[in-house]
PDB file of N, CA and C in Angstrom:
ATOM      1  N   MET A   1    -133.924  27.241 271.939  1.00  0.00           N
ATOM      2  CA  MET A   1    -134.097  26.180 270.988  1.00  0.00           C
ATOM      3  C   MET A   1    -133.943  24.872 271.724  1.00  0.00           C
ATOM      4  N   THR A   2    -134.579  23.865 271.211  1.00  0.00           N
ATOM      5  CA  THR A   2    -134.538  22.573 271.873  1.00  0.00           C
ATOM      6  C   THR A   2    -134.361  21.454 270.868  1.00  0.00           C
ATOM      7  N   GLY A   3    -133.730  20.414 271.281  1.00  0.00           N
ATOM      8  CA  GLY A   3    -133.566  19.216 270.471  1.00  0.00           C
ATOM      9  C   GLY A   3    -134.528  18.134 270.900  1.00  0.00           C
ATOM     10  N   TYR A   4    -135.390  18.451 271.870  1.00  0.00           N
ATOM     11  CA  TYR A   4    -136.367  17.479 272.336  1.00  0.00           C
ATOM     12  C   TYR A   4    -137.420  17.226 271.267  1.00  0.00           C
ATOM     13  N   ALA A   5    -138.155  16.156 271.445  1.00  0.00           N
ATOM     14  CA  ALA A   5    -139.235  15.819 270.518  1.00  0.00           C
ATOM     15  C   ALA A   5    -140.248  16.952 270.460  1.00  0.00           C
ATOM     16  N   ARG A   6    -140.914  17.075 269.336  1.00  0.00           N
ATOM     17  CA  ARG A   6    -141.918  18.136 269.163  1.00  0.00           C
ATOM     18  C   ARG A   6    -142.967  18.123 270.271  1.00  0.00           C
ATOM     19  N   GLN A   7    -143.375  16.943 270.717  1.00  0.00           N
ATOM     20  CA  GLN A   7    -144.385  16.862 271.780  1.00  0.00           C
ATOM     21  C   GLN A   7    -143.892  17.553 273.044  1.00  0.00           C
ATOM     22  N   ALA A   8    -142.634  17.377 273.373  1.00  0.00           N
ATOM     23  CA  ALA A   8    -142.080  18.021 274.563  1.00  0.00           C
ATOM     24  C   ALA A   8    -142.027  19.526 274.375  1.00  0.00           C
ATOM     25  N   ALA A   9    -141.714  19.976 273.174  1.00  0.00           N
ATOM     26  CA  ALA A   9    -141.628  21.412 272.920  1.00  0.00           C
ATOM     27  C   ALA A   9    -142.985  22.083 273.088  1.00  0.00           C
ATOM     28  N   HIS A  10    -144.064  21.375 272.777  1.00  0.00           N
ATOM     29  CA  HIS A  10    -145.400  21.958 272.912  1.00  0.00           C
ATOM     30  C   HIS A  10    -145.809  22.067 274.377  1.00  0.00           C
ATOM     31  N   GLN A  11    -145.172  21.319 275.230  1.00  0.00           N
ATOM     32  CA  GLN A  11    -145.467  21.382 276.660  1.00  0.00           C
ATOM     33  C   GLN A  11    -144.438  22.280 277.329  1.00  0.00           C
ATOM     34  N   ALA A  12    -144.399  23.522 276.899  1.00  0.00           N
ATOM     35  CA  ALA A  12    -143.365  24.461 277.327  1.00  0.00           C
ATOM     36  C   ALA A  12    -143.720  25.161 278.637  1.00  0.00           C
ATOM     37  N   ALA A  13    -144.346  24.459 279.559  1.00  0.00           N
ATOM     38  CA  ALA A  13    -144.751  25.054 280.834  1.00  0.00           C
ATOM     39  C   ALA A  13    -143.540  25.464 281.670  1.00  0.00           C
ATOM     40  N   PHE A  14    -142.370  24.943 281.348  1.00  0.00           N
ATOM     41  CA  PHE A  14    -141.172  25.259 282.112  1.00  0.00           C
ATOM     42  C   PHE A  14    -140.553  26.585 281.709  1.00  0.00           C
ATOM     43  N   LEU A  15    -141.085  27.247 280.682  1.00  0.00           N
ATOM     44  CA  LEU A  15    -140.529  28.518 280.221  1.00  0.00           C
ATOM     45  C   LEU A  15    -141.047  29.673 281.079  1.00  0.00           C
ATOM     46  N   ASP A  16    -140.202  30.642 281.326  1.00  0.00           N
ATOM     47  CA  ASP A  16    -140.617  31.855 282.019  1.00  0.00           C
ATOM     48  C   ASP A  16    -141.428  32.726 281.069  1.00  0.00           C
ATOM     49  N   GLY A  17    -142.167  33.659 281.605  1.00  0.00           N
ATOM     50  CA  GLY A  17    -142.972  34.567 280.809  1.00  0.00           C
ATOM     51  C   GLY A  17    -142.146  35.303 279.772  1.00  0.00           C
ATOM     52  N   GLY A  18    -142.669  35.406 278.558  1.00  0.00           N
ATOM     53  CA  GLY A  18    -141.992  36.109 277.492  1.00  0.00           C
ATOM     54  C   GLY A  18    -140.961  35.277 276.745  1.00  0.00           C
ATOM     55  N   MET A  19    -140.720  34.038 277.205  1.00  0.00           N
ATOM     56  CA  MET A  19    -139.747  33.184 276.530  1.00  0.00           C
ATOM     57  C   MET A  19    -140.419  32.443 275.372  1.00  0.00           C
ATOM     58  N   GLU A  20    -139.646  32.141 274.376  1.00  0.00           N
ATOM     59  CA  GLU A  20    -140.116  31.416 273.204  1.00  0.00           C
ATOM     60  C   GLU A  20    -139.291  30.154 273.045  1.00  0.00           C
ATOM     61  N   ILE A  21    -139.816  29.210 272.256  1.00  0.00           N
ATOM     62  CA  ILE A  21    -139.084  27.972 272.001  1.00  0.00           C
ATOM     63  C   ILE A  21    -139.234  27.610 270.521  1.00  0.00           C
ATOM     64  N   ILE A  22    -138.190  27.068 269.948  1.00  0.00           N
ATOM     65  CA  ILE A  22    -138.225  26.568 268.581  1.00  0.00           C
ATOM     66  C   ILE A  22    -137.525  25.212 268.595  1.00  0.00           C
ATOM     67  N   SER A  23    -138.133  24.237 267.933  1.00  0.00           N
ATOM     68  CA  SER A  23    -137.584  22.883 267.931  1.00  0.00           C
ATOM     69  C   SER A  23    -136.608  22.683 266.789  1.00  0.00           C
ATOM     70  N   LYS A  24    -135.526  21.963 267.077  1.00  0.00           N
ATOM     71  CA  LYS A  24    -134.565  21.591 266.046  1.00  0.00           C
ATOM     72  C   LYS A  24    -135.050  20.314 265.391  1.00  0.00           C
ATOM     73  N   PRO A  25    -134.779  20.050 264.180  1.00  0.00           N
ATOM     74  CA  PRO A  25    -134.062  20.920 263.246  1.00  0.00           C
ATOM     75  C   PRO A  25    -135.009  21.964 262.670  1.00  0.00           C
ATOM     76  N   PHE A  26    -134.472  23.100 262.297  1.00  0.00           N
ATOM     77  CA  PHE A  26    -135.254  24.148 261.647  1.00  0.00           C
ATOM     78  C   PHE A  26    -134.392  24.786 260.570  1.00  0.00           C
ATOM     79  N   ALA A  27    -135.066  25.322 259.567  1.00  0.00           N
ATOM     80  CA  ALA A  27    -134.371  26.030 258.490  1.00  0.00           C
ATOM     81  C   ALA A  27    -134.061  27.442 258.967  1.00  0.00           C
ATOM     82  N   ILE A  28    -133.013  28.028 258.439  1.00  0.00           N
ATOM     83  CA  ILE A  28    -132.625  29.386 258.814  1.00  0.00           C
ATOM     84  C   ILE A  28    -133.761  30.368 258.524  1.00  0.00           C
ATOM     85  N   GLU A  29    -134.548  30.086 257.499  1.00  0.00           N
ATOM     86  CA  GLU A  29    -135.698  30.949 257.173  1.00  0.00           C
ATOM     87  C   GLU A  29    -136.737  30.903 258.285  1.00  0.00           C
ATOM     88  N   GLN A  30    -136.956  29.717 258.855  1.00  0.00           N
ATOM     89  CA  GLN A  30    -137.898  29.591 259.965  1.00  0.00           C
ATOM     90  C   GLN A  30    -137.422  30.395 261.166  1.00  0.00           C
ATOM     91  N   LEU A  31    -136.151  30.308 261.449  1.00  0.00           N
ATOM     92  CA  LEU A  31    -135.588  31.066 262.566  1.00  0.00           C
ATOM     93  C   LEU A  31    -135.742  32.561 262.331  1.00  0.00           C
ATOM     94  N   GLY A  32    -135.466  33.011 261.126  1.00  0.00           N
ATOM     95  CA  GLY A  32    -135.611  34.423 260.793  1.00  0.00           C
ATOM     96  C   GLY A  32    -137.044  34.910 260.950  1.00  0.00           C
ATOM     97  N   ARG A  33    -138.001  34.103 260.475  1.00  0.00           N
ATOM     98  CA  ARG A  33    -139.412  34.472 260.617  1.00  0.00           C
ATOM     99  C   ARG A  33    -139.800  34.560 262.086  1.00  0.00           C
ATOM    100  N   ARG A  34    -139.349  33.590 262.858  1.00  0.00           N
ATOM    101  CA  ARG A  34    -139.691  33.559 264.284  1.00  0.00           C
ATOM    102  C   ARG A  34    -139.125  34.767 265.012  1.00  0.00           C
ATOM    103  N   ILE A  35    -137.895  35.105 264.723  1.00  0.00           N
ATOM    104  CA  ILE A  35    -137.280  36.291 265.340  1.00  0.00           C
ATOM    105  C   ILE A  35    -138.033  37.550 264.934  1.00  0.00           C
ATOM    106  N   GLY A  36    -138.398  37.648 263.658  1.00  0.00           N
ATOM    107  CA  GLY A  36    -139.169  38.798 263.187  1.00  0.00           C
ATOM    108  C   GLY A  36    -140.498  38.928 263.916  1.00  0.00           C
ATOM    109  N   GLU A  37    -141.183  37.801 264.121  1.00  0.00           N
ATOM    110  CA  GLU A  37    -142.462  37.817 264.839  1.00  0.00           C
ATOM    111  C   GLU A  37    -142.270  38.321 266.273  1.00  0.00           C
ATOM    112  N   ILE A  38    -141.242  37.827 266.918  1.00  0.00           N
ATOM    113  CA  ILE A  38    -140.979  38.226 268.304  1.00  0.00           C
ATOM    114  C   ILE A  38    -140.665  39.720 268.383  1.00  0.00           C
ATOM    115  N   LEU A  39    -139.838  40.195 267.466  1.00  0.00           N
ATOM    116  CA  LEU A  39    -139.480  41.621 267.467  1.00  0.00           C
ATOM    117  C   LEU A  39    -140.703  42.496 267.201  1.00  0.00           C
ATOM    118  N   ARG A  40    -141.545  42.106 266.249  1.00  0.00           N
ATOM    119  CA  ARG A  40    -142.749  42.897 265.957  1.00  0.00           C
ATOM    120  C   ARG A  40    -143.689  42.932 267.156  1.00  0.00           C
ATOM    121  N   ARG A  41    -143.824  41.824 267.841  1.00  0.00           N
ATOM    122  CA  ARG A  41    -144.681  41.775 269.041  1.00  0.00           C
ATOM    123  C   ARG A  41    -144.158  42.687 270.128  1.00  0.00           C
ATOM    124  N   ASN A  42    -142.855  42.726 270.300  1.00  0.00           N
ATOM    125  CA  ASN A  42    -142.268  43.513 271.377  1.00  0.00           C
ATOM    126  C   ASN A  42    -142.191  45.006 271.054  1.00  0.00           C
ATOM    127  N   ILE A  43    -142.345  45.365 269.808  1.00  0.00           N
ATOM    128  CA  ILE A  43    -142.347  46.786 269.433  1.00  0.00           C
ATOM    129  C   ILE A  43    -143.709  47.409 269.736  1.00  0.00           C
ATOM    130  N   SER A  44    -144.762  46.626 269.612  1.00  0.00           N
ATOM    131  CA  SER A  44    -146.123  47.139 269.819  1.00  0.00           C
ATOM    132  C   SER A  44    -146.376  47.497 271.252  1.00  0.00           C
TER     133      SER A  44
END
């Protein structure tokens, strides 16, 4: 997760393969959805 501006979060070239990023602030529901998406992708 990052507290940087949304523009910086979209330029996530510094992330290693398989890493995800979510910008703060976010609702707990958004975090839950994002985690669910990641888990479903990794199960396939």
